[in-house]
Amino acid sequence: METIKLNTEEAIKIAEQKAMTLANRSRIKVNSQPTLDQAKASLLEVKEIKKIIEEKKDSVIGPLNEALKNTRELFKPIEDKVEVIESYLKGEILKYNTKLLEEQRKREAEAEKKIKDGATFEEVTKSIGKVVEKLETIPTRKIKRLKIVDETLIPRKFLIPNEVAIKEALLAGEKVSGCELVEEEIIINR
């Protein structure tokens, strides 16, 4: 097939037409040398269609990916700086919040002691109220995060094997318990 520079829409139309023609001719049962030759010829056409599609898709996606990469690089330095500032400020606010919570617990303990000693509820809650007001101005929320305490105790169903690393190890001649290399025959399209 001749390599012709086509615009994307024309390339898609040509690929669709070839695919439809090929689909109609490819409904064959390979059971003899002539049908095998026909199937091989159809596979070559499939390869040509895939090449047209891939080239045109890459001609559209390539510039978009380049623009996306350039845009990310443009904003990355300022995003990194802002991230550092945000982390620092959140850390400082969290430290202050923790300090206020400790102060609140301390004052609550003192209040309980004063109540036992005969002080009125109103007298005792004044000092606690000021800390609570400060705490209410700090926006917080509790979230649940995973913390692995002992990875050896994690049940097997939560472990995902690294198939790439296992295959590389096996190809290098290492033994990996529970794994082996097997050969599988596939059809290639030359």
Foldseek 3Di string as FASTA:
>chain_A
DDDDDDALVVLVVVLVVLVVVLVVQLPDDPDDPVNVVVNLVSLQSVVVSVVSNVVNVCVVVVVVVVVVVVVCVVCVVVVVVVVVVVVVVVVVLVVVLVVLVVVLVVLVVVLVVVVVVPDDPVVSCPVNVVSVVVNVVRDDDDDDDDDDPDVVPDDPVPDDDPVVVVVVCVVVPHDDPPDDDDDDDDDDRD
